[in-house]
Amino acid sequence: MRALVLVLLASGCVRVPAHERARLAAPAMQAPVWPGLSSAIDHVFVVREGTAGATAAGGGGCGCN
Protein backbone atom coordinates (compact mmCIF):
# COMPACT_ATOMS: atom_id res chain seq x y z
CA MET A 1 0.00 0.00 0.00
CA ARG A 2 2.82 2.41 0.87
CA ALA A 3 4.53 1.67 -2.42
CA LEU A 4 1.37 2.57 -4.32
CA VAL A 5 1.07 5.88 -2.46
CA LEU A 6 4.74 6.62 -3.10
CA VAL A 7 4.35 5.92 -6.82
CA LEU A 8 1.27 8.16 -7.03
CA LEU A 9 3.02 11.01 -5.22
CA ALA A 10 6.19 10.69 -7.28
CA SER A 11 4.28 10.74 -10.56
CA GLY A 12 3.36 14.39 -9.93
CA CYS A 13 6.99 15.48 -10.02
CA VAL A 14 8.19 16.99 -13.26
CA ARG A 15 11.23 18.95 -14.43
CA VAL A 16 10.34 22.51 -15.34
CA PRO A 17 12.40 24.00 -18.18
CA ALA A 18 14.37 27.12 -17.31
CA HIS A 19 12.37 29.35 -19.66
CA GLU A 20 9.10 28.46 -17.84
CA ARG A 21 10.36 28.99 -14.30
CA ALA A 22 9.99 32.78 -14.38
CA ARG A 23 6.31 32.49 -15.28
CA LEU A 24 5.68 29.95 -12.51
CA ALA A 25 7.48 32.15 -9.96
CA ALA A 26 5.33 35.21 -10.77
CA PRO A 27 3.52 36.72 -7.77
CA ALA A 28 0.16 36.03 -9.42
CA MET A 29 0.90 32.30 -9.26
CA GLN A 30 1.53 32.31 -5.51
CA ALA A 31 -1.12 31.19 -3.04
CA PRO A 32 -2.11 33.86 -0.54
CA VAL A 33 -0.29 33.60 2.79
CA TRP A 34 -3.42 34.55 4.75
CA PRO A 35 -6.55 33.62 2.74
CA GLY A 36 -8.80 35.38 5.29
CA LEU A 37 -6.93 38.63 4.82
CA SER A 38 -7.05 38.23 1.06
CA SER A 39 -10.84 37.83 1.11
CA ALA A 40 -11.14 40.87 3.41
CA ILE A 41 -9.09 42.98 0.99
CA ASP A 42 -11.29 41.76 -1.88
CA HIS A 43 -14.39 42.76 0.12
CA VAL A 44 -13.00 46.24 0.75
CA PHE A 45 -12.22 46.59 -2.96
CA VAL A 46 -15.77 45.56 -3.91
CA VAL A 47 -17.28 48.03 -1.45
CA ARG A 48 -14.97 50.86 -2.51
CA GLU A 49 -15.39 50.32 -6.25
CA GLY A 50 -19.11 49.58 -6.09
CA THR A 51 -18.72 46.45 -8.20
CA ALA A 52 -18.91 42.76 -7.49
CA GLY A 53 -16.99 39.98 -9.16
CA ALA A 54 -14.32 42.15 -10.76
CA THR A 55 -11.49 39.80 -9.93
CA ALA A 56 -9.80 39.24 -13.30
CA ALA A 57 -12.55 36.91 -14.51
CA GLY A 58 -13.92 37.18 -18.01
CA GLY A 59 -16.58 39.78 -18.70
CA GLY A 60 -17.11 43.05 -16.93
CA GLY A 61 -17.11 46.49 -18.47
CA CYS A 62 -19.88 49.09 -18.59
CA GLY A 63 -22.68 46.67 -19.48
CA CYS A 64 -23.78 48.62 -22.55
CA ASN A 65 -23.99 45.67 -24.95
PDB file of N, CA and C in Angstrom:
ATOM      1  N   MET A   1       0.824  -1.189   0.000  1.00  0.00           N
ATOM      2  CA  MET A   1       0.000   0.000   0.000  1.00  0.00           C
ATOM      3  C   MET A   1       0.871   1.257   0.000  1.00  0.00           C
ATOM      4  N   ARG A   2       1.925   1.250   0.820  1.00  0.00           N
ATOM      5  CA  ARG A   2       2.819   2.407   0.873  1.00  0.00           C
ATOM      6  C   ARG A   2       3.516   2.632  -0.453  1.00  0.00           C
ATOM      7  N   ALA A   3       3.858   1.545  -1.131  1.00  0.00           N
ATOM      8  CA  ALA A   3       4.533   1.671  -2.417  1.00  0.00           C
ATOM      9  C   ALA A   3       3.611   2.324  -3.447  1.00  0.00           C
ATOM     10  N   LEU A   4       2.339   1.979  -3.398  1.00  0.00           N
ATOM     11  CA  LEU A   4       1.371   2.573  -4.319  1.00  0.00           C
ATOM     12  C   LEU A   4       1.228   4.066  -4.064  1.00  0.00           C
ATOM     13  N   VAL A   5       1.164   4.465  -2.809  1.00  0.00           N
ATOM     14  CA  VAL A   5       1.071   5.884  -2.460  1.00  0.00           C
ATOM     15  C   VAL A   5       2.334   6.617  -2.897  1.00  0.00           C
ATOM     16  N   LEU A   6       3.474   6.014  -2.697  1.00  0.00           N
ATOM     17  CA  LEU A   6       4.738   6.624  -3.098  1.00  0.00           C
ATOM     18  C   LEU A   6       4.803   6.811  -4.614  1.00  0.00           C
ATOM     19  N   VAL A   7       4.359   5.817  -5.366  1.00  0.00           N
ATOM     20  CA  VAL A   7       4.353   5.924  -6.824  1.00  0.00           C
ATOM     21  C   VAL A   7       3.402   7.021  -7.275  1.00  0.00           C
ATOM     22  N   LEU A   8       2.232   7.130  -6.664  1.00  0.00           N
ATOM     23  CA  LEU A   8       1.272   8.163  -7.033  1.00  0.00           C
ATOM     24  C   LEU A   8       1.802   9.560  -6.721  1.00  0.00           C
ATOM     25  N   LEU A   9       2.467   9.707  -5.588  1.00  0.00           N
ATOM     26  CA  LEU A   9       3.018  11.008  -5.225  1.00  0.00           C
ATOM     27  C   LEU A   9       4.205  11.378  -6.110  1.00  0.00           C
ATOM     28  N   ALA A  10       5.013  10.415  -6.456  1.00  0.00           N
ATOM     29  CA  ALA A  10       6.189  10.688  -7.279  1.00  0.00           C
ATOM     30  C   ALA A  10       5.814  10.966  -8.734  1.00  0.00           C
ATOM     31  N   SER A  11       4.663  10.516  -9.169  1.00  0.00           N
ATOM     32  CA  SER A  11       4.281  10.742 -10.559  1.00  0.00           C
ATOM     33  C   SER A  11       3.906  12.198 -10.817  1.00  0.00           C
ATOM     34  N   GLY A  12       3.680  12.977  -9.767  1.00  0.00           N
ATOM     35  CA  GLY A  12       3.361  14.391  -9.931  1.00  0.00           C
ATOM     36  C   GLY A  12       4.594  15.260 -10.079  1.00  0.00           C
ATOM     37  N   CYS A  13       5.765  14.705  -9.899  1.00  0.00           N
ATOM     38  CA  CYS A  13       6.995  15.479 -10.016  1.00  0.00           C
ATOM     39  C   CYS A  13       7.391  15.583 -11.478  1.00  0.00           C
ATOM     40  N   VAL A  14       7.799  16.776 -11.877  1.00  0.00           N
ATOM     41  CA  VAL A  14       8.192  16.987 -13.259  1.00  0.00           C
ATOM     42  C   VAL A  14       9.285  18.045 -13.294  1.00  0.00           C
ATOM     43  N   ARG A  15      10.198  17.916 -14.255  1.00  0.00           N
ATOM     44  CA  ARG A  15      11.233  18.946 -14.430  1.00  0.00           C
ATOM     45  C   ARG A  15      10.620  20.107 -15.187  1.00  0.00           C
ATOM     46  N   VAL A  16      10.843  21.303 -14.680  1.00  0.00           N
ATOM     47  CA  VAL A  16      10.337  22.507 -15.336  1.00  0.00           C
ATOM     48  C   VAL A  16      11.493  23.146 -16.095  1.00  0.00           C
ATOM     49  N   PRO A  17      11.332  23.361 -17.404  1.00  0.00           N
ATOM     50  CA  PRO A  17      12.400  23.996 -18.176  1.00  0.00           C
ATOM     51  C   PRO A  17      12.704  25.395 -17.650  1.00  0.00           C
ATOM     52  N   ALA A  18      13.921  25.832 -17.848  1.00  0.00           N
ATOM     53  CA  ALA A  18      14.372  27.117 -17.314  1.00  0.00           C
ATOM     54  C   ALA A  18      13.547  28.283 -17.842  1.00  0.00           C
ATOM     55  N   HIS A  19      13.108  28.231 -19.098  1.00  0.00           N
ATOM     56  CA  HIS A  19      12.368  29.352 -19.661  1.00  0.00           C
ATOM     57  C   HIS A  19      10.940  29.455 -19.115  1.00  0.00           C
ATOM     58  N   GLU A  20      10.441  28.417 -18.428  1.00  0.00           N
ATOM     59  CA  GLU A  20       9.101  28.461 -17.840  1.00  0.00           C
ATOM     60  C   GLU A  20       9.130  28.779 -16.352  1.00  0.00           C
ATOM     61  N   ARG A  21      10.284  28.777 -15.738  1.00  0.00           N
ATOM     62  CA  ARG A  21      10.363  28.994 -14.297  1.00  0.00           C
ATOM     63  C   ARG A  21       9.978  30.410 -13.900  1.00  0.00           C
ATOM     64  N   ALA A  22      10.318  31.386 -14.713  1.00  0.00           N
ATOM     65  CA  ALA A  22       9.992  32.775 -14.376  1.00  0.00           C
ATOM     66  C   ALA A  22       8.485  32.968 -14.331  1.00  0.00           C
ATOM     67  N   ARG A  23       7.768  32.361 -15.266  1.00  0.00           N
ATOM     68  CA  ARG A  23       6.315  32.493 -15.282  1.00  0.00           C
ATOM     69  C   ARG A  23       5.686  31.810 -14.066  1.00  0.00           C
ATOM     70  N   LEU A  24       6.216  30.660 -13.661  1.00  0.00           N
ATOM     71  CA  LEU A  24       5.677  29.955 -12.505  1.00  0.00           C
ATOM     72  C   LEU A  24       6.010  30.653 -11.195  1.00  0.00           C
ATOM     73  N   ALA A  25       7.078  31.453 -11.175  1.00  0.00           N
ATOM     74  CA  ALA A  25       7.477  32.154  -9.965  1.00  0.00           C
ATOM     75  C   ALA A  25       6.838  33.534  -9.863  1.00  0.00           C
ATOM     76  N   ALA A  26       5.981  33.896 -10.800  1.00  0.00           N
ATOM     77  CA  ALA A  26       5.326  35.209 -10.773  1.00  0.00           C
ATOM     78  C   ALA A  26       4.461  35.336  -9.528  1.00  0.00           C
ATOM     79  N   PRO A  27       4.344  36.539  -8.973  1.00  0.00           N
ATOM     80  CA  PRO A  27       3.521  36.724  -7.770  1.00  0.00           C
ATOM     81  C   PRO A  27       2.068  36.311  -7.973  1.00  0.00           C
ATOM     82  N   ALA A  28       1.551  36.418  -9.178  1.00  0.00           N
ATOM     83  CA  ALA A  28       0.159  36.033  -9.423  1.00  0.00           C
ATOM     84  C   ALA A  28      -0.051  34.531  -9.274  1.00  0.00           C
ATOM     85  N   MET A  29       1.007  33.746  -9.377  1.00  0.00           N
ATOM     86  CA  MET A  29       0.896  32.296  -9.264  1.00  0.00           C
ATOM     87  C   MET A  29       1.018  31.807  -7.817  1.00  0.00           C
ATOM     88  N   GLN A  30       1.332  32.696  -6.895  1.00  0.00           N
ATOM     89  CA  GLN A  30       1.532  32.305  -5.508  1.00  0.00           C
ATOM     90  C   GLN A  30       0.202  32.240  -4.765  1.00  0.00           C
ATOM     91  N   ALA A  31       0.071  31.280  -3.893  1.00  0.00           N
ATOM     92  CA  ALA A  31      -1.119  31.190  -3.043  1.00  0.00           C
ATOM     93  C   ALA A  31      -1.030  32.276  -1.976  1.00  0.00           C
ATOM     94  N   PRO A  32      -2.161  32.837  -1.571  1.00  0.00           N
ATOM     95  CA  PRO A  32      -2.108  33.864  -0.537  1.00  0.00           C
ATOM     96  C   PRO A  32      -1.621  33.282   0.790  1.00  0.00           C
ATOM     97  N   VAL A  33      -0.824  34.063   1.505  1.00  0.00           N
ATOM     98  CA  VAL A  33      -0.292  33.596   2.788  1.00  0.00           C
ATOM     99  C   VAL A  33      -1.414  33.501   3.810  1.00  0.00           C
ATOM    100  N   TRP A  34      -2.279  34.520   3.839  1.00  0.00           N
ATOM    101  CA  TRP A  34      -3.424  34.548   4.748  1.00  0.00           C
ATOM    102  C   TRP A  34      -4.690  34.671   3.917  1.00  0.00           C
ATOM    103  N   PRO A  35      -5.359  33.551   3.591  1.00  0.00           N
ATOM    104  CA  PRO A  35      -6.554  33.624   2.737  1.00  0.00           C
ATOM    105  C   PRO A  35      -7.651  34.504   3.340  1.00  0.00           C
ATOM    106  N   GLY A  36      -7.787  34.535   4.653  1.00  0.00           N
ATOM    107  CA  GLY A  36      -8.798  35.379   5.285  1.00  0.00           C
ATOM    108  C   GLY A  36      -8.534  36.849   5.026  1.00  0.00           C
ATOM    109  N   LEU A  37      -7.283  37.246   5.085  1.00  0.00           N
ATOM    110  CA  LEU A  37      -6.926  38.631   4.823  1.00  0.00           C
ATOM    111  C   LEU A  37      -7.143  38.961   3.353  1.00  0.00           C
ATOM    112  N   SER A  38      -6.841  38.013   2.485  1.00  0.00           N
ATOM    113  CA  SER A  38      -7.052  38.228   1.058  1.00  0.00           C
ATOM    114  C   SER A  38      -8.531  38.444   0.747  1.00  0.00           C
ATOM    115  N   SER A  39      -9.406  37.652   1.357  1.00  0.00           N
ATOM    116  CA  SER A  39     -10.835  37.832   1.107  1.00  0.00           C
ATOM    117  C   SER A  39     -11.332  39.138   1.708  1.00  0.00           C
ATOM    118  N   ALA A  40     -10.753  39.585   2.827  1.00  0.00           N
ATOM    119  CA  ALA A  40     -11.138  40.871   3.414  1.00  0.00           C
ATOM    120  C   ALA A  40     -10.726  42.026   2.512  1.00  0.00           C
ATOM    121  N   ILE A  41      -9.547  41.946   1.917  1.00  0.00           N
ATOM    122  CA  ILE A  41      -9.089  42.981   0.990  1.00  0.00           C
ATOM    123  C   ILE A  41      -9.987  42.999  -0.243  1.00  0.00           C
ATOM    124  N   ASP A  42     -10.369  41.816  -0.738  1.00  0.00           N
ATOM    125  CA  ASP A  42     -11.292  41.756  -1.876  1.00  0.00           C
ATOM    126  C   ASP A  42     -12.630  42.392  -1.532  1.00  0.00           C
ATOM    127  N   HIS A  43     -13.119  42.168  -0.315  1.00  0.00           N
ATOM    128  CA  HIS A  43     -14.386  42.756   0.116  1.00  0.00           C
ATOM    129  C   HIS A  43     -14.282  44.282   0.156  1.00  0.00           C
ATOM    130  N   VAL A  44     -13.190  44.789   0.698  1.00  0.00           N
ATOM    131  CA  VAL A  44     -12.996  46.241   0.746  1.00  0.00           C
ATOM    132  C   VAL A  44     -12.935  46.805  -0.664  1.00  0.00           C
ATOM    133  N   PHE A  45     -12.292  46.128  -1.583  1.00  0.00           N
ATOM    134  CA  PHE A  45     -12.222  46.585  -2.963  1.00  0.00           C
ATOM    135  C   PHE A  45     -13.610  46.636  -3.594  1.00  0.00           C
ATOM    136  N   VAL A  46     -14.423  45.597  -3.350  1.00  0.00           N
ATOM    137  CA  VAL A  46     -15.772  45.559  -3.909  1.00  0.00           C
ATOM    138  C   VAL A  46     -16.607  46.704  -3.352  1.00  0.00           C
ATOM    139  N   VAL A  47     -16.502  46.946  -2.065  1.00  0.00           N
ATOM    140  CA  VAL A  47     -17.280  48.026  -1.455  1.00  0.00           C
ATOM    141  C   VAL A  47     -16.808  49.381  -1.975  1.00  0.00           C
ATOM    142  N   ARG A  48     -15.506  49.579  -2.074  1.00  0.00           N
ATOM    143  CA  ARG A  48     -14.967  50.865  -2.514  1.00  0.00           C
ATOM    144  C   ARG A  48     -15.287  51.133  -3.979  1.00  0.00           C
ATOM    145  N   GLU A  49     -15.168  50.127  -4.828  1.00  0.00           N
ATOM    146  CA  GLU A  49     -15.386  50.320  -6.248  1.00  0.00           C
ATOM    147  C   GLU A  49     -16.861  50.248  -6.636  1.00  0.00           C
ATOM    148  N   GLY A  50     -17.695  49.692  -5.778  1.00  0.00           N
ATOM    149  CA  GLY A  50     -19.114  49.579  -6.093  1.00  0.00           C
ATOM    150  C   GLY A  50     -19.405  48.506  -7.116  1.00  0.00           C
ATOM    151  N   THR A  51     -18.521  47.538  -7.256  1.00  0.00           N
ATOM    152  CA  THR A  51     -18.717  46.449  -8.205  1.00  0.00           C
ATOM    153  C   THR A  51     -18.544  45.129  -7.482  1.00  0.00           C
ATOM    154  N   ALA A  52     -19.092  44.097  -8.049  1.00  0.00           N
ATOM    155  CA  ALA A  52     -18.911  42.764  -7.486  1.00  0.00           C
ATOM    156  C   ALA A  52     -18.399  41.839  -8.571  1.00  0.00           C
ATOM    157  N   GLY A  53     -17.494  40.962  -8.217  1.00  0.00           N
ATOM    158  CA  GLY A  53     -16.987  39.975  -9.157  1.00  0.00           C
ATOM    159  C   GLY A  53     -15.922  40.479 -10.107  1.00  0.00           C
ATOM    160  N   ALA A  54     -15.350  41.620  -9.869  1.00  0.00           N
ATOM    161  CA  ALA A  54     -14.323  42.155 -10.763  1.00  0.00           C
ATOM    162  C   ALA A  54     -12.948  41.677 -10.339  1.00  0.00           C
ATOM    163  N   THR A  55     -12.754  40.384 -10.379  1.00  0.00           N
ATOM    164  CA  THR A  55     -11.493  39.800  -9.925  1.00  0.00           C
ATOM    165  C   THR A  55     -10.796  39.067 -11.054  1.00  0.00           C
ATOM    166  N   ALA A  56     -10.560  39.750 -12.163  1.00  0.00           N
ATOM    167  CA  ALA A  56      -9.803  39.238 -13.301  1.00  0.00           C
ATOM    168  C   ALA A  56     -10.513  38.096 -14.018  1.00  0.00           C
ATOM    169  N   ALA A  57     -11.798  37.915 -13.778  1.00  0.00           N
ATOM    170  CA  ALA A  57     -12.551  36.911 -14.514  1.00  0.00           C
ATOM    171  C   ALA A  57     -13.037  37.515 -15.826  1.00  0.00           C
ATOM    172  N   GLY A  58     -13.443  36.684 -16.731  1.00  0.00           N
ATOM    173  CA  GLY A  58     -13.920  37.181 -18.014  1.00  0.00           C
ATOM    174  C   GLY A  58     -15.186  38.007 -17.862  1.00  0.00           C
ATOM    175  N   GLY A  59     -15.392  38.930 -18.758  1.00  0.00           N
ATOM    176  CA  GLY A  59     -16.583  39.782 -18.699  1.00  0.00           C
ATOM    177  C   GLY A  59     -16.286  41.109 -18.061  1.00  0.00           C
ATOM    178  N   GLY A  60     -17.295  41.763 -17.563  1.00  0.00           N
ATOM    179  CA  GLY A  60     -17.114  43.052 -16.927  1.00  0.00           C
ATOM    180  C   GLY A  60     -17.348  44.176 -17.921  1.00  0.00           C
ATOM    181  N   GLY A  61     -16.924  45.342 -17.593  1.00  0.00           N
ATOM    182  CA  GLY A  61     -17.108  46.494 -18.467  1.00  0.00           C
ATOM    183  C   GLY A  61     -18.310  47.314 -18.037  1.00  0.00           C
ATOM    184  N   CYS A  62     -18.805  48.168 -18.950  1.00  0.00           N
ATOM    185  CA  CYS A  62     -19.880  49.087 -18.590  1.00  0.00           C
ATOM    186  C   CYS A  62     -21.257  48.451 -18.700  1.00  0.00           C
ATOM    187  N   GLY A  63     -21.394  47.320 -19.358  1.00  0.00           N
ATOM    188  CA  GLY A  63     -22.680  46.667 -19.477  1.00  0.00           C
ATOM    189  C   GLY A  63     -23.553  47.264 -20.555  1.00  0.00           C
ATOM    190  N   CYS A  64     -22.991  47.943 -21.513  1.00  0.00           N
ATOM    191  CA  CYS A  64     -23.783  48.618 -22.548  1.00  0.00           C
ATOM    192  C   CYS A  64     -23.784  47.820 -23.845  1.00  0.00           C
ATOM    193  N   ASN A  65     -23.973  46.521 -23.740  1.00  0.00           N
ATOM    194  CA  ASN A  65     -23.987  45.667 -24.948  1.00  0.00           C
ATOM    195  C   ASN A  65     -25.245  45.892 -25.732  1.00  0.00           C
TER     196      ASN A  65
END
